[in-house]
Amino acid sequence: MILNEDTFTVYAAKHYDMKKAASVDEFYDDLKRFIYLRRLLKKYYGGGELSERLILNHIIVIFNLFD
């Protein structure tokens, strides 16, 4: 499977731990963590402030929810 913007949601759903989610809305809320993490990293690389704990927190949650 070639991973791009169109297939990302399917790939994420395949590797999502459904035991920890109560609904499809929670799945999409967890997917938003990738977007927020990317935004934090872009802000840092653009010369902004580094929020180490916030970035690490999102990475830990992502690794716990997705295989």
N, C-alpha and C. Protein backbone atom coordinates (compact mmCIF):
# COMPACT_ATOMS: atom_id res chain seq x y z
N MET A 1 0.83 -1.17 0.00
CA MET A 1 0.00 0.00 0.00
C MET A 1 0.89 1.24 0.00
N ILE A 2 0.62 2.13 -0.92
CA ILE A 2 1.34 3.39 -0.99
C ILE A 2 0.64 4.37 -0.06
N LEU A 3 1.39 4.92 0.87
CA LEU A 3 0.81 5.81 1.87
C LEU A 3 0.85 7.24 1.36
N ASN A 4 -0.33 7.81 1.19
CA ASN A 4 -0.47 9.21 0.81
C ASN A 4 -1.66 9.78 1.57
N GLU A 5 -2.07 10.99 1.23
CA GLU A 5 -3.17 11.63 1.96
C GLU A 5 -4.48 10.87 1.82
N ASP A 6 -4.68 10.22 0.68
CA ASP A 6 -5.93 9.50 0.44
C ASP A 6 -6.00 8.18 1.22
N THR A 7 -4.88 7.52 1.39
CA THR A 7 -4.88 6.21 2.04
C THR A 7 -4.47 6.27 3.52
N PHE A 8 -4.15 7.44 4.02
CA PHE A 8 -3.69 7.57 5.40
C PHE A 8 -4.77 7.13 6.39
N THR A 9 -6.01 7.54 6.18
CA THR A 9 -7.09 7.19 7.11
C THR A 9 -7.33 5.69 7.15
N VAL A 10 -7.29 5.05 5.99
CA VAL A 10 -7.48 3.60 5.94
C VAL A 10 -6.34 2.89 6.66
N TYR A 11 -5.12 3.35 6.43
CA TYR A 11 -3.95 2.76 7.08
C TYR A 11 -4.02 2.94 8.60
N ALA A 12 -4.43 4.15 9.04
CA ALA A 12 -4.54 4.42 10.47
C ALA A 12 -5.64 3.57 11.11
N ALA A 13 -6.76 3.41 10.43
CA ALA A 13 -7.86 2.61 10.97
C ALA A 13 -7.45 1.15 11.10
N LYS A 14 -6.63 0.68 10.18
CA LYS A 14 -6.18 -0.71 10.22
C LYS A 14 -5.29 -0.96 11.44
N HIS A 15 -4.54 0.04 11.86
CA HIS A 15 -3.60 -0.12 12.96
C HIS A 15 -4.08 0.51 14.26
N TYR A 16 -5.32 0.92 14.32
CA TYR A 16 -5.88 1.57 15.50
C TYR A 16 -6.33 0.52 16.50
N ASP A 17 -6.07 0.77 17.78
CA ASP A 17 -6.49 -0.15 18.84
C ASP A 17 -7.92 0.21 19.23
N MET A 18 -8.89 -0.54 18.71
CA MET A 18 -10.30 -0.21 18.88
C MET A 18 -10.80 -0.47 20.30
N LYS A 19 -10.05 -1.18 21.12
CA LYS A 19 -10.48 -1.44 22.49
C LYS A 19 -10.50 -0.17 23.33
N LYS A 20 -9.72 0.82 22.93
CA LYS A 20 -9.61 2.04 23.71
C LYS A 20 -10.54 3.14 23.23
N ALA A 21 -11.29 2.91 22.17
CA ALA A 21 -12.18 3.93 21.63
C ALA A 21 -13.63 3.50 21.75
N ALA A 22 -14.47 4.45 22.05
CA ALA A 22 -15.89 4.14 22.20
C ALA A 22 -16.67 4.42 20.92
N SER A 23 -16.12 5.26 20.04
CA SER A 23 -16.87 5.61 18.84
C SER A 23 -15.92 6.00 17.71
N VAL A 24 -16.49 6.20 16.56
CA VAL A 24 -15.73 6.62 15.39
C VAL A 24 -15.24 8.06 15.58
N ASP A 25 -16.02 8.86 16.29
CA ASP A 25 -15.60 10.24 16.55
C ASP A 25 -14.31 10.29 17.36
N GLU A 26 -14.14 9.37 18.29
CA GLU A 26 -12.90 9.32 19.05
C GLU A 26 -11.72 8.95 18.16
N PHE A 27 -11.95 8.09 17.18
CA PHE A 27 -10.90 7.74 16.24
C PHE A 27 -10.43 8.98 15.48
N TYR A 28 -11.38 9.78 15.00
CA TYR A 28 -11.01 10.98 14.26
C TYR A 28 -10.37 12.03 15.17
N ASP A 29 -10.78 12.08 16.42
CA ASP A 29 -10.11 12.98 17.38
C ASP A 29 -8.67 12.55 17.61
N ASP A 30 -8.44 11.25 17.66
CA ASP A 30 -7.07 10.75 17.83
C ASP A 30 -6.23 10.99 16.57
N LEU A 31 -6.85 10.97 15.41
CA LEU A 31 -6.12 11.29 14.19
C LEU A 31 -5.68 12.75 14.16
N LYS A 32 -6.44 13.60 14.81
CA LYS A 32 -6.08 15.02 14.86
C LYS A 32 -4.79 15.25 15.64
N ARG A 33 -4.40 14.29 16.45
CA ARG A 33 -3.13 14.42 17.17
C ARG A 33 -1.94 14.47 16.22
N PHE A 34 -2.02 13.76 15.10
CA PHE A 34 -0.96 13.82 14.09
C PHE A 34 -0.84 15.23 13.52
N ILE A 35 -1.98 15.84 13.26
CA ILE A 35 -1.98 17.19 12.69
C ILE A 35 -1.42 18.19 13.71
N TYR A 36 -1.84 18.05 14.96
CA TYR A 36 -1.35 18.96 15.99
C TYR A 36 0.14 18.78 16.24
N LEU A 37 0.60 17.54 16.21
CA LEU A 37 2.03 17.27 16.38
C LEU A 37 2.83 17.88 15.23
N ARG A 38 2.33 17.72 14.03
CA ARG A 38 3.01 18.31 12.87
C ARG A 38 3.06 19.83 12.99
N ARG A 39 1.97 20.43 13.47
CA ARG A 39 1.94 21.88 13.66
C ARG A 39 2.96 22.33 14.69
N LEU A 40 3.09 21.58 15.78
CA LEU A 40 4.08 21.92 16.81
C LEU A 40 5.51 21.83 16.28
N LEU A 41 5.77 20.80 15.47
CA LEU A 41 7.12 20.64 14.92
C LEU A 41 7.43 21.70 13.87
N LYS A 42 6.44 22.07 13.05
CA LYS A 42 6.65 23.13 12.07
C LYS A 42 6.93 24.46 12.76
N LYS A 43 6.23 24.70 13.87
CA LYS A 43 6.44 25.92 14.63
C LYS A 43 7.86 25.97 15.17
N TYR A 44 8.35 24.84 15.66
CA TYR A 44 9.71 24.79 16.19
C TYR A 44 10.74 24.99 15.08
N TYR A 45 10.58 24.28 13.96
CA TYR A 45 11.54 24.40 12.87
C TYR A 45 11.50 25.77 12.21
N GLY A 46 10.42 26.48 12.37
CA GLY A 46 10.31 27.83 11.83
C GLY A 46 10.93 28.88 12.73
N GLY A 47 11.57 28.46 13.79
CA GLY A 47 12.23 29.40 14.70
C GLY A 47 11.42 29.72 15.93
N GLY A 48 10.37 28.95 16.15
CA GLY A 48 9.51 29.21 17.31
C GLY A 48 9.97 28.47 18.54
N GLU A 49 9.10 28.43 19.51
CA GLU A 49 9.39 27.82 20.79
C GLU A 49 9.21 26.30 20.72
N LEU A 50 10.08 25.58 21.43
CA LEU A 50 9.98 24.13 21.50
C LEU A 50 9.23 23.73 22.76
N SER A 51 8.11 23.04 22.59
CA SER A 51 7.32 22.54 23.70
C SER A 51 7.60 21.05 23.85
N GLU A 52 8.73 20.74 24.51
CA GLU A 52 9.18 19.35 24.57
C GLU A 52 8.15 18.43 25.20
N ARG A 53 7.61 18.83 26.32
CA ARG A 53 6.68 17.95 27.03
C ARG A 53 5.39 17.74 26.26
N LEU A 54 4.91 18.78 25.60
CA LEU A 54 3.69 18.66 24.82
C LEU A 54 3.92 17.74 23.62
N ILE A 55 5.05 17.89 22.96
CA ILE A 55 5.39 17.03 21.82
C ILE A 55 5.54 15.58 22.27
N LEU A 56 6.27 15.36 23.35
CA LEU A 56 6.44 14.00 23.87
C LEU A 56 5.11 13.40 24.31
N ASN A 57 4.26 14.19 24.88
CA ASN A 57 2.96 13.71 25.32
C ASN A 57 2.14 13.21 24.13
N HIS A 58 2.13 13.97 23.05
CA HIS A 58 1.39 13.55 21.86
C HIS A 58 2.00 12.29 21.24
N ILE A 59 3.31 12.20 21.21
CA ILE A 59 3.97 11.02 20.65
C ILE A 59 3.63 9.78 21.47
N ILE A 60 3.64 9.90 22.78
CA ILE A 60 3.32 8.76 23.65
C ILE A 60 1.89 8.31 23.44
N VAL A 61 0.96 9.24 23.36
CA VAL A 61 -0.44 8.88 23.14
C VAL A 61 -0.62 8.21 21.79
N ILE A 62 0.03 8.72 20.76
CA ILE A 62 -0.06 8.13 19.42
C ILE A 62 0.47 6.70 19.45
N PHE A 63 1.62 6.47 20.09
CA PHE A 63 2.18 5.12 20.14
C PHE A 63 1.30 4.17 20.96
N ASN A 64 0.58 4.70 21.94
CA ASN A 64 -0.31 3.84 22.73
C ASN A 64 -1.58 3.49 21.97
N LEU A 65 -2.03 4.35 21.09
CA LEU A 65 -3.29 4.11 20.38
C LEU A 65 -3.12 3.36 19.07
N PHE A 66 -1.98 3.52 18.42
CA PHE A 66 -1.76 2.91 17.11
C PHE A 66 -0.62 1.90 17.22
N ASP A 67 -0.79 0.77 16.54
CA ASP A 67 0.25 -0.27 16.54
C ASP A 67 1.47 0.16 15.79
